[in-house]
Amino acid sequence: MLEAKSESEQRSRIAALFDLNAMHERQCSALGLISDKQKYSGGWSWMDGMPESEYITTYILTGFGKLQKMGAWESLNKEDKDKAERICKKTVSFLEGKVAENYRYMKKHSNGKDWAVGSTTLAELYALSFFDSQNKDTAFATAKKYYLDRLVKDWTTFSFNSCAKAAMVLSRNGNEKTAKLLVKSFLECAQKNEQTGMYWPKKYFSFESHIATHANIMSAFAEIDDNQELIDNMRVWLLTQKQTNRWENCASTADAIYALLMRGSDWYNEGKEVSLRLGKTPVGTDGGVAGTGFVQRRWNADEITPDMRQLTVNNPTKHLVWGGLFRQYFVPVDEVKSDESGFTIRRELFVEKVTEKGKVLVPSTGSGTAPIKVGDKVTVKITFTNEQDMSYVFVKDLRAAGFEPTEQVSYYRYNNGISYYQTYSDSDMRFFIEFLPKGTHQLEYSMFVTKEGLLNNGYALIQCQYAPEFSAYSNGMKVKVGKK
């Protein structure tokens, strides 16, 4: 997929992923590799030659548990299914031993005080909760009882992700009362938006994946309080994150797909079709891409009529649909009018003046402005606001022919809370932002004025390259430059 050079090639490779014969071969190969890498103890190491890693082992067992819960094991032949069961049986035994070992260590060093359940132990209990207990050792049973009791007492101090796992662990071990209490607390903390669905705010300075946390909360709701409407709202948030961002990593992507496949109502078999009308002209949606329903239509200038200025979308389904409408036209650069879609953007020019109090920036337009003259140093400030987190954002600021940037070297920098790569060309300054958090941000750079006259200074553009329908540009402007 990463090597595909076009959208059609990507689709072709996705189709190849679902070839049944190839899928069976990949399943056999993956199971064989996992089995070969598993140590005699039942655990896995990070790299060959290293000791067993509780984290890696827990992650793999959790993945097997999710596949089993989805019914994926039923697609395996008897030989592969037996192999998967042997792998999991050894891993369950290994992790139960680790839970008991950690409990003994705690008892030995706690000086009679109770310790809270750590994130590693909670993750192990969560992974084990997918399977019936294999280890009959009483040490594990004692440790498990202690940790379950601590979950009941300590859950109010947990992060959202830990709370979701704790709720499922308690529910699968018979404590429905506390599990429902945790789900109720999620509802009290949730944020809802008609466009982006229901979600939980990300806590900064946390190393937990926002996508994985949301997927685990969805799983907790589905198991404990199977409210289809709420779960559908959570699915909307997951999909909107994919609309403007890449999911954070492979692990988060797997968690998100698991949550989408396992939870909520069936959006594919509603038997209803979205209809579009551009003015009085119906827009056909036949021939959409299988699975996504993606369609693309184009009209040339001679096909555009005045009534086509209005697009009507009729969505009889219960889920959201997304789309973008692009109109391309040509006007002189200084006559461009501002436009906003998902962003707002404003550009201002300031003249740097030296006073008794030091250097000050004086606006070049509006009241109290300073005229621009040859030799002046001008600072450009680009202020923009985005309503949601976005990945791969591009900002371009056109400049007049008589302006030369003070910095002629491209570089990566961190400023005003965002990291970006800044580069320039003969006609503009460009900024590449890999991740742009929700909020208002500002970029700035300086230029020297080298020519006089009435100069076209263009406009500033911002666009999410991941979802191009989210873009905005400022008004075009002309700048009058006087003699030195």
Protein backbone atom coordinates (compact mmCIF):
# COMPACT_ATOMS: atom_id res chain seq x y z
CA MET A 1 0.00 0.00 0.00
CA LEU A 2 2.77 2.45 0.90
CA GLU A 3 4.46 1.81 -2.45
CA ALA A 4 1.34 2.50 -4.50
CA LYS A 5 1.85 5.61 -6.66
CA SER A 6 -1.78 6.41 -7.48
CA GLU A 7 -5.22 6.14 -5.94
CA SER A 8 -6.31 3.50 -8.46
CA GLU A 9 -3.21 1.43 -7.67
CA GLN A 10 -3.98 1.69 -3.96
CA ARG A 11 -7.50 0.38 -4.59
CA SER A 12 -6.11 -2.47 -6.65
CA ARG A 13 -3.79 -3.44 -3.81
CA ILE A 14 -6.62 -3.24 -1.29
CA ALA A 15 -8.62 -5.64 -3.47
CA ALA A 16 -5.65 -8.01 -3.48
CA LEU A 17 -5.72 -8.03 0.32
CA PHE A 18 -9.16 -9.67 0.20
CA ASP A 19 -8.24 -12.48 -2.18
CA LEU A 20 -9.35 -15.59 -0.27
CA ASN A 21 -6.47 -17.83 -1.30
CA ALA A 22 -3.91 -15.12 -0.51
CA MET A 23 -5.62 -14.44 2.83
CA HIS A 24 -5.35 -18.09 3.82
CA GLU A 25 -1.66 -18.14 2.92
CA ARG A 26 -1.01 -14.99 4.95
CA GLN A 27 -2.91 -16.42 7.94
CA CYS A 28 -0.83 -19.59 7.88
CA SER A 29 2.38 -17.60 7.50
CA ALA A 30 1.49 -15.21 10.35
CA LEU A 31 0.53 -18.03 12.72
CA GLY A 32 3.71 -19.89 11.87
CA LEU A 33 5.85 -16.81 12.52
CA ILE A 34 4.12 -16.07 15.85
CA SER A 35 4.48 -19.70 16.91
CA ASP A 36 8.16 -19.79 15.95
CA LYS A 37 8.90 -16.58 17.88
CA GLN A 38 7.05 -17.73 21.02
CA LYS A 39 9.40 -18.86 23.77
CA TYR A 40 9.00 -22.09 25.71
CA SER A 41 7.61 -20.09 28.66
CA GLY A 42 4.73 -18.79 26.52
CA GLY A 43 5.96 -15.22 26.18
CA TRP A 44 7.53 -13.21 23.37
CA SER A 45 10.56 -10.94 23.40
CA TRP A 46 10.89 -7.64 21.63
CA MET A 47 13.91 -8.85 19.62
CA ASP A 48 15.40 -12.31 19.20
CA GLY A 49 17.81 -13.16 22.02
CA MET A 50 16.13 -10.85 24.52
CA PRO A 51 14.11 -12.07 27.55
CA GLU A 52 10.31 -12.22 27.44
CA SER A 53 8.54 -8.86 27.35
CA GLU A 54 5.31 -8.57 29.32
CA TYR A 55 4.21 -5.68 27.10
CA ILE A 56 4.76 -7.51 23.80
CA THR A 57 3.20 -10.70 25.16
CA THR A 58 0.15 -8.84 26.48
CA TYR A 59 -0.30 -7.02 23.18
CA ILE A 60 -0.22 -10.26 21.17
CA LEU A 61 -2.64 -12.09 23.49
CA THR A 62 -5.04 -9.13 23.39
CA GLY A 63 -5.00 -9.32 19.58
CA PHE A 64 -5.79 -13.03 19.67
CA GLY A 65 -8.60 -12.33 22.13
CA LYS A 66 -10.17 -9.72 19.87
CA LEU A 67 -9.97 -12.03 16.86
CA GLN A 68 -11.64 -14.78 18.85
CA LYS A 69 -14.38 -12.42 20.02
CA MET A 70 -15.03 -11.37 16.41
CA GLY A 71 -15.42 -15.00 15.38
CA ALA A 72 -12.34 -14.85 13.15
CA TRP A 73 -11.10 -18.19 14.46
CA GLU A 74 -14.03 -19.90 12.77
CA SER A 75 -12.52 -19.07 9.38
CA LEU A 76 -9.37 -21.06 10.21
CA ASN A 77 -8.93 -24.66 9.20
CA LYS A 78 -8.59 -27.24 11.97
CA GLU A 79 -4.80 -27.28 11.88
CA ASP A 80 -4.46 -23.49 12.16
CA LYS A 81 -7.19 -23.27 14.78
CA ASP A 82 -5.45 -25.88 16.93
CA LYS A 83 -2.18 -23.97 16.54
CA ALA A 84 -3.83 -20.71 17.63
CA GLU A 85 -5.36 -22.42 20.67
CA ARG A 86 -1.99 -23.89 21.69
CA ILE A 87 -0.32 -20.49 21.35
CA CYS A 88 -2.96 -18.80 23.51
CA LYS A 89 -2.99 -21.54 26.13
CA LYS A 90 0.76 -21.12 26.71
CA THR A 91 0.45 -17.32 26.73
CA VAL A 92 -2.43 -17.33 29.23
CA SER A 93 -0.35 -19.50 31.54
CA PHE A 94 2.63 -17.17 31.18
CA LEU A 95 0.66 -13.98 31.95
CA GLU A 96 -1.22 -15.53 34.86
CA GLY A 97 2.16 -16.42 36.32
CA LYS A 98 3.33 -12.82 35.86
CA VAL A 99 0.22 -11.45 37.59
CA ALA A 100 0.80 -13.78 40.54
CA GLU A 101 4.51 -12.89 40.61
CA ASN A 102 3.78 -9.15 40.66
CA TYR A 103 1.29 -9.69 43.48
CA ARG A 104 3.87 -11.58 45.56
CA TYR A 105 6.42 -8.80 44.97
CA MET A 106 3.88 -6.19 46.05
CA LYS A 107 3.03 -8.06 49.25
CA LYS A 108 6.71 -8.47 50.09
CA HIS A 109 7.63 -4.80 49.64
CA SER A 110 4.42 -2.93 50.51
CA ASN A 111 5.00 -2.92 54.30
CA GLY A 112 1.39 -3.85 54.86
CA LYS A 113 0.01 -1.09 52.59
CA ASP A 114 -2.14 -1.79 49.57
CA TRP A 115 -0.81 -0.80 46.15
CA ALA A 116 -2.97 0.47 43.31
CA VAL A 117 -3.33 -1.61 40.15
CA GLY A 118 -0.58 -0.64 37.74
CA SER A 119 -1.17 -0.11 34.02
CA THR A 120 0.85 -3.25 33.15
CA THR A 121 -1.17 -5.47 35.49
CA LEU A 122 -4.44 -3.99 34.26
CA ALA A 123 -3.44 -4.63 30.63
CA GLU A 124 -2.61 -8.25 31.54
CA LEU A 125 -5.94 -8.74 33.32
CA TYR A 126 -7.68 -7.25 30.28
CA ALA A 127 -5.89 -9.62 27.88
CA LEU A 128 -6.64 -12.61 30.12
CA SER A 129 -10.33 -11.65 30.39
CA PHE A 130 -10.86 -12.73 26.75
CA PHE A 131 -10.08 -16.35 27.72
CA ASP A 132 -11.26 -18.91 30.23
CA SER A 133 -8.66 -19.37 32.94
CA GLN A 134 -6.20 -22.14 32.13
CA ASN A 135 -3.92 -21.95 35.15
CA LYS A 136 -5.36 -23.73 38.20
CA ASP A 137 -2.65 -22.34 40.51
CA THR A 138 -4.25 -20.78 43.58
CA ALA A 139 -1.61 -18.02 43.58
CA PHE A 140 -3.14 -16.47 40.47
CA ALA A 141 -6.68 -16.77 41.86
CA THR A 142 -5.58 -14.93 45.02
CA ALA A 143 -3.82 -12.20 43.04
CA LYS A 144 -6.76 -11.79 40.68
CA LYS A 145 -9.22 -11.40 43.55
CA TYR A 146 -7.03 -8.72 45.12
CA TYR A 147 -6.68 -6.75 41.89
CA LEU A 148 -10.39 -6.95 41.11
CA ASP A 149 -11.15 -5.52 44.55
CA ARG A 150 -8.63 -2.73 43.98
CA LEU A 151 -10.23 -1.87 40.63
CA VAL A 152 -13.53 -1.29 42.42
CA LYS A 153 -11.83 1.08 44.88
CA ASP A 154 -9.38 2.90 42.58
CA TRP A 155 -11.12 3.36 39.22
CA THR A 156 -11.88 7.05 39.90
CA THR A 157 -8.13 7.78 39.65
CA PHE A 158 -7.71 6.05 36.29
CA SER A 159 -7.31 7.53 32.82
CA PHE A 160 -10.11 7.05 30.29
CA ASN A 161 -8.25 4.16 28.67
CA SER A 162 -7.63 2.39 31.98
CA CYS A 163 -11.26 2.96 33.02
CA ALA A 164 -12.49 1.32 29.81
CA LYS A 165 -10.29 -1.73 30.36
CA ALA A 166 -11.26 -1.91 34.05
CA ALA A 167 -14.97 -1.81 33.13
CA MET A 168 -14.60 -4.76 30.75
CA VAL A 169 -12.44 -6.74 33.20
CA LEU A 170 -15.00 -6.26 35.98
CA SER A 171 -17.93 -7.06 33.69
CA ARG A 172 -16.31 -10.27 32.41
CA ASN A 173 -15.62 -11.30 36.00
CA GLY A 174 -19.20 -10.84 37.17
CA ASN A 175 -19.16 -7.33 38.71
CA GLU A 176 -21.79 -5.74 36.49
CA LYS A 177 -22.73 -3.11 39.09
CA THR A 178 -19.33 -1.39 39.12
CA ALA A 179 -18.89 -1.88 35.39
CA LYS A 180 -22.14 0.01 34.72
CA LEU A 181 -21.01 2.74 37.11
CA LEU A 182 -17.86 3.24 35.04
CA VAL A 183 -19.90 3.44 31.84
CA LYS A 184 -22.15 6.03 33.48
CA SER A 185 -19.08 8.10 34.36
CA PHE A 186 -18.04 8.03 30.68
CA LEU A 187 -21.39 9.54 29.70
CA GLU A 188 -20.90 12.33 32.21
CA CYS A 189 -17.47 13.21 30.75
CA ALA A 190 -18.38 12.84 27.07
CA GLN A 191 -18.41 15.72 24.61
CA LYS A 192 -20.97 15.66 21.81
CA ASN A 193 -21.03 17.43 18.47
CA GLU A 194 -23.53 16.99 15.65
CA GLN A 195 -20.77 16.92 13.04
CA THR A 196 -18.07 14.94 14.85
CA GLY A 197 -20.13 12.64 17.08
CA MET A 198 -19.37 11.74 20.70
CA TYR A 199 -15.84 11.62 22.07
CA TRP A 200 -13.71 12.18 25.13
CA PRO A 201 -11.15 15.01 25.28
CA LYS A 202 -7.54 13.97 25.04
CA LYS A 203 -5.50 14.53 28.15
CA TYR A 204 -2.25 16.21 27.28
CA PHE A 205 1.07 14.85 28.54
CA SER A 206 -0.40 11.36 28.14
CA PHE A 207 1.38 8.65 26.18
CA GLU A 208 -1.86 6.75 25.57
CA SER A 209 -3.22 6.67 22.04
CA HIS A 210 -6.35 8.78 21.64
CA ILE A 211 -7.70 6.43 18.96
CA ALA A 212 -7.04 3.28 21.06
CA THR A 213 -8.65 4.91 24.09
CA HIS A 214 -11.78 5.76 22.10
CA ALA A 215 -11.94 2.23 20.65
CA ASN A 216 -11.70 0.70 24.14
CA ILE A 217 -14.47 2.97 25.42
CA MET A 218 -16.64 1.84 22.48
CA SER A 219 -15.93 -1.78 23.40
CA ALA A 220 -16.90 -1.11 27.03
CA PHE A 221 -20.22 0.45 25.97
CA ALA A 222 -20.97 -2.41 23.58
CA GLU A 223 -20.40 -5.07 26.25
CA ILE A 224 -21.99 -3.33 29.22
CA ASP A 225 -24.61 -0.91 27.86
CA ASP A 226 -25.34 -1.81 24.24
CA ASN A 227 -26.93 1.50 23.22
CA GLN A 228 -26.75 1.53 19.40
CA GLU A 229 -27.35 5.28 19.10
CA LEU A 230 -24.49 6.15 21.44
CA ILE A 231 -22.15 3.66 19.77
CA ASP A 232 -23.02 5.05 16.33
CA ASN A 233 -22.11 8.53 17.58
CA MET A 234 -18.76 7.16 18.75
CA ARG A 235 -18.21 5.56 15.34
CA VAL A 236 -18.79 8.96 13.73
CA TRP A 237 -15.95 10.45 15.77
CA LEU A 238 -13.58 7.65 14.77
CA LEU A 239 -14.41 8.18 11.10
CA THR A 240 -14.07 11.97 11.28
CA GLN A 241 -10.60 11.47 12.73
CA LYS A 242 -9.75 9.38 9.68
CA GLN A 243 -11.27 12.07 7.47
CA THR A 244 -8.72 14.73 8.45
CA ASN A 245 -5.95 12.68 10.09
CA ARG A 246 -4.15 9.42 9.71
CA TRP A 247 -4.80 7.11 12.63
CA GLU A 248 -1.76 7.39 14.86
CA ASN A 249 -0.01 4.07 14.15
CA CYS A 250 -0.59 0.44 13.15
CA ALA A 251 -1.75 -0.56 16.63
CA SER A 252 -4.28 2.30 16.82
CA THR A 253 -5.53 1.49 13.31
CA ALA A 254 -6.14 -2.14 14.30
CA ASP A 255 -8.00 -1.01 17.44
CA ALA A 256 -10.15 1.40 15.43
CA ILE A 257 -11.05 -1.20 12.78
CA TYR A 258 -11.93 -3.70 15.51
CA ALA A 259 -14.22 -1.14 17.16
CA LEU A 260 -15.90 -0.21 13.86
CA LEU A 261 -16.50 -3.82 12.80
CA MET A 262 -17.78 -5.04 16.16
CA ARG A 263 -20.00 -2.20 17.31
CA GLY A 264 -23.07 -0.23 16.25
CA SER A 265 -25.76 -0.65 13.63
CA ASP A 266 -25.16 -1.95 10.09
CA TRP A 267 -24.56 1.07 7.87
CA TYR A 268 -24.01 -0.95 4.70
CA ASN A 269 -27.37 -2.72 4.47
CA GLU A 270 -29.86 0.03 5.23
CA GLY A 271 -31.34 -0.25 1.73
CA LYS A 272 -31.35 3.53 1.27
CA GLU A 273 -29.34 5.69 -1.13
CA VAL A 274 -28.10 9.25 -0.79
CA SER A 275 -29.30 11.49 -3.64
CA LEU A 276 -27.62 14.65 -4.94
CA ARG A 277 -28.96 17.49 -7.03
CA LEU A 278 -26.89 20.39 -8.39
CA GLY A 279 -29.50 23.05 -9.08
CA LYS A 280 -32.07 21.21 -11.21
CA THR A 281 -29.55 18.64 -12.42
CA PRO A 282 -29.57 15.24 -10.68
CA VAL A 283 -26.10 13.93 -9.87
CA GLY A 284 -25.78 10.20 -10.43
CA THR A 285 -24.11 8.16 -7.70
CA ASP A 286 -23.84 4.94 -9.70
CA GLY A 287 -20.44 3.36 -10.13
CA GLY A 288 -19.17 4.31 -6.69
CA VAL A 289 -16.11 2.59 -5.26
CA ALA A 290 -17.09 -0.66 -3.56
CA GLY A 291 -17.10 -0.37 0.21
CA THR A 292 -16.75 3.41 0.43
CA GLY A 293 -19.32 4.50 -2.18
CA PHE A 294 -16.90 7.20 -3.36
CA VAL A 295 -18.01 8.98 -6.54
CA GLN A 296 -16.46 11.88 -8.41
CA ARG A 297 -18.10 14.10 -11.00
CA ARG A 298 -16.72 16.99 -13.08
CA TRP A 299 -18.34 19.78 -15.10
CA ASN A 300 -16.58 22.04 -17.56
CA ALA A 301 -17.20 25.80 -17.66
CA ASP A 302 -19.60 25.56 -20.62
CA GLU A 303 -21.72 23.04 -18.69
CA ILE A 304 -22.23 25.28 -15.65
CA THR A 305 -25.61 27.04 -15.41
CA PRO A 306 -26.66 29.76 -12.91
CA ASP A 307 -29.00 27.43 -10.99
CA MET A 308 -26.07 25.08 -10.24
CA ARG A 309 -24.87 27.39 -7.52
CA GLN A 310 -26.90 25.34 -5.03
CA LEU A 311 -26.18 21.71 -4.11
CA THR A 312 -28.96 19.70 -2.45
CA VAL A 313 -28.05 16.53 -0.56
CA ASN A 314 -30.80 14.17 0.60
CA ASN A 315 -29.51 11.65 3.13
CA PRO A 316 -32.26 9.21 4.21
CA THR A 317 -29.78 6.99 6.09
CA LYS A 318 -28.98 7.11 9.80
CA HIS A 319 -25.30 7.87 9.30
CA LEU A 320 -23.29 10.85 8.09
CA VAL A 321 -21.96 11.20 4.57
CA TRP A 322 -19.01 13.34 3.52
CA GLY A 323 -18.22 15.19 0.36
CA GLY A 324 -16.49 18.18 -1.11
CA LEU A 325 -17.48 20.69 -3.78
CA PHE A 326 -14.67 22.47 -5.65
CA ARG A 327 -15.02 25.37 -8.06
CA GLN A 328 -11.97 26.43 -10.02
CA TYR A 329 -11.84 29.84 -11.68
CA PHE A 330 -9.28 32.49 -12.56
CA VAL A 331 -9.10 36.12 -11.35
CA PRO A 332 -6.23 38.60 -10.93
CA VAL A 333 -4.30 37.66 -7.80
CA ASP A 334 -5.08 40.93 -5.98
CA GLU A 335 -8.83 40.45 -6.56
CA VAL A 336 -9.07 37.11 -4.75
CA LYS A 337 -11.80 37.19 -2.08
CA SER A 338 -11.40 35.29 1.16
CA ASP A 339 -13.10 31.93 1.52
CA GLU A 340 -13.33 29.53 4.48
CA SER A 341 -14.07 25.81 4.83
CA GLY A 342 -12.90 24.16 8.04
CA PHE A 343 -10.30 26.92 8.51
CA THR A 344 -10.27 30.67 8.92
CA ILE A 345 -7.15 32.58 7.87
CA ARG A 346 -6.04 36.19 8.13
CA ARG A 347 -2.82 37.85 6.96
CA GLU A 348 -1.37 41.13 8.27
CA LEU A 349 1.70 43.17 7.34
CA PHE A 350 3.71 45.13 9.90
CA VAL A 351 6.59 47.55 9.43
CA GLU A 352 9.43 47.21 11.91
CA LYS A 353 10.35 50.57 13.47
CA VAL A 354 13.14 51.41 15.91
CA THR A 355 12.05 53.72 18.74
CA GLU A 356 13.46 54.80 22.06
CA LYS A 357 11.76 51.76 23.58
CA GLY A 358 13.31 49.41 21.07
CA LYS A 359 11.90 47.67 18.02
CA VAL A 360 8.12 47.83 17.51
CA LEU A 361 5.83 46.47 14.81
CA VAL A 362 3.47 49.03 13.27
CA PRO A 363 0.54 47.81 11.10
CA SER A 364 0.80 48.79 7.45
CA THR A 365 -3.00 49.00 6.95
CA GLY A 366 -5.81 50.59 8.94
CA SER A 367 -5.64 53.50 11.40
CA GLY A 368 -2.28 54.40 12.89
CA THR A 369 -0.47 52.68 10.06
CA ALA A 370 3.04 53.17 8.76
CA PRO A 371 3.76 53.61 5.03
CA ILE A 372 6.01 51.02 3.46
CA LYS A 373 9.22 52.29 1.87
CA VAL A 374 12.15 50.73 0.08
CA GLY A 375 14.62 49.42 2.65
CA ASP A 376 11.99 48.73 5.32
CA LYS A 377 11.82 45.43 7.13
CA VAL A 378 8.27 44.03 6.95
CA THR A 379 6.91 41.25 9.15
CA VAL A 380 4.08 39.03 7.90
CA LYS A 381 1.76 37.47 10.47
CA ILE A 382 -0.58 34.69 9.31
CA THR A 383 -3.26 33.80 11.84
CA PHE A 384 -5.49 30.78 11.27
CA THR A 385 -8.02 28.73 13.22
CA ASN A 386 -9.04 25.10 12.72
CA GLU A 387 -12.06 23.52 14.38
CA GLN A 388 -10.55 20.04 14.76
CA ASP A 389 -7.18 18.32 14.83
CA MET A 390 -5.73 17.91 11.34
CA SER A 391 -2.75 16.13 9.80
CA TYR A 392 -0.57 17.22 6.87
CA VAL A 393 -1.52 20.88 6.63
CA PHE A 394 0.03 23.15 4.00
CA VAL A 395 0.24 26.94 4.28
CA LYS A 396 1.36 29.12 1.37
CA ASP A 397 1.80 32.88 1.45
CA LEU A 398 2.28 34.67 -1.88
CA ARG A 399 4.47 37.78 -1.82
CA ALA A 400 5.10 40.76 -4.03
CA ALA A 401 8.06 40.83 -6.43
CA GLY A 402 9.63 43.69 -4.46
CA PHE A 403 9.84 41.72 -1.20
CA GLU A 404 12.75 39.42 -0.31
CA PRO A 405 12.68 37.08 2.74
CA THR A 406 15.30 37.81 5.38
CA GLU A 407 15.88 34.06 5.75
CA GLN A 408 16.97 32.21 2.62
CA VAL A 409 17.49 28.74 4.14
CA SER A 410 14.79 26.07 4.52
CA TYR A 411 14.57 24.50 7.97
CA TYR A 412 12.41 22.68 10.51
CA ARG A 413 11.35 24.64 13.55
CA TYR A 414 9.05 24.78 16.56
CA ASN A 415 7.24 28.03 17.27
CA ASN A 416 4.03 29.14 18.98
CA GLY A 417 3.08 25.61 19.93
CA ILE A 418 3.41 23.94 16.52
CA SER A 419 6.24 22.21 14.64
CA TYR A 420 6.64 22.83 10.92
CA TYR A 421 9.04 22.84 7.99
CA GLN A 422 9.50 26.26 6.38
CA THR A 423 10.78 26.78 2.87
CA TYR A 424 10.55 29.47 0.20
CA SER A 425 10.36 29.93 -3.55
CA ASP A 426 10.71 32.95 -5.81
CA SER A 427 7.04 33.85 -5.34
CA ASP A 428 5.93 32.56 -1.96
CA MET A 429 6.75 31.26 1.51
CA ARG A 430 5.60 27.71 2.36
CA PHE A 431 4.95 25.92 5.65
CA PHE A 432 4.40 22.17 6.05
CA ILE A 433 2.72 21.13 9.32
CA GLU A 434 2.52 17.39 9.99
CA PHE A 435 0.05 17.74 12.86
CA LEU A 436 -2.05 20.80 13.67
CA PRO A 437 -4.02 20.64 16.93
CA LYS A 438 -7.42 22.26 17.20
CA GLY A 439 -7.23 25.97 17.98
CA THR A 440 -5.87 29.31 16.78
CA HIS A 441 -2.25 29.50 15.60
CA GLN A 442 0.09 32.05 14.12
CA LEU A 443 3.03 31.90 11.73
CA GLU A 444 5.29 34.81 10.94
CA TYR A 445 8.36 35.71 8.90
CA SER A 446 10.17 38.87 7.82
CA MET A 447 11.05 40.44 4.46
CA PHE A 448 13.08 43.38 3.17
CA VAL A 449 11.46 45.80 0.71
CA THR A 450 13.61 46.20 -2.43
CA LYS A 451 11.39 47.94 -5.02
CA GLU A 452 8.91 50.78 -5.10
CA GLY A 453 5.53 50.92 -6.82
CA LEU A 454 2.04 49.43 -6.52
CA LEU A 455 2.74 45.73 -6.05
CA ASN A 456 0.46 42.67 -6.11
CA ASN A 457 1.03 40.86 -2.82
CA GLY A 458 -1.24 37.87 -3.48
CA TYR A 459 -3.04 36.01 -0.73
CA ALA A 460 -2.42 33.41 1.99
CA LEU A 461 -3.72 29.84 1.57
CA ILE A 462 -4.14 27.00 4.08
CA GLN A 463 -5.25 23.49 3.13
CA CYS A 464 -5.35 20.05 4.72
CA GLN A 465 -3.57 17.85 2.18
CA TYR A 466 -5.15 14.77 3.76
CA ALA A 467 -8.67 16.17 3.20
CA PRO A 468 -8.40 18.96 0.57
CA GLU A 469 -12.01 20.05 1.06
CA PHE A 470 -10.81 21.72 4.27
CA SER A 471 -9.13 24.90 3.08
CA ALA A 472 -9.25 28.67 3.29
CA TYR A 473 -7.56 31.69 1.76
CA SER A 474 -7.35 35.34 2.65
CA ASN A 475 -8.22 38.35 0.54
CA GLY A 476 -5.76 39.30 -2.16
CA MET A 477 -4.01 42.63 -1.65
CA LYS A 478 -1.97 45.32 -3.33
CA VAL A 479 0.82 47.07 -1.48
CA LYS A 480 2.00 50.60 -2.22
CA VAL A 481 5.74 51.03 -1.67
CA GLY A 482 7.27 54.51 -1.61
CA LYS A 483 10.83 55.69 -2.12
CA LYS A 484 13.35 55.34 0.64
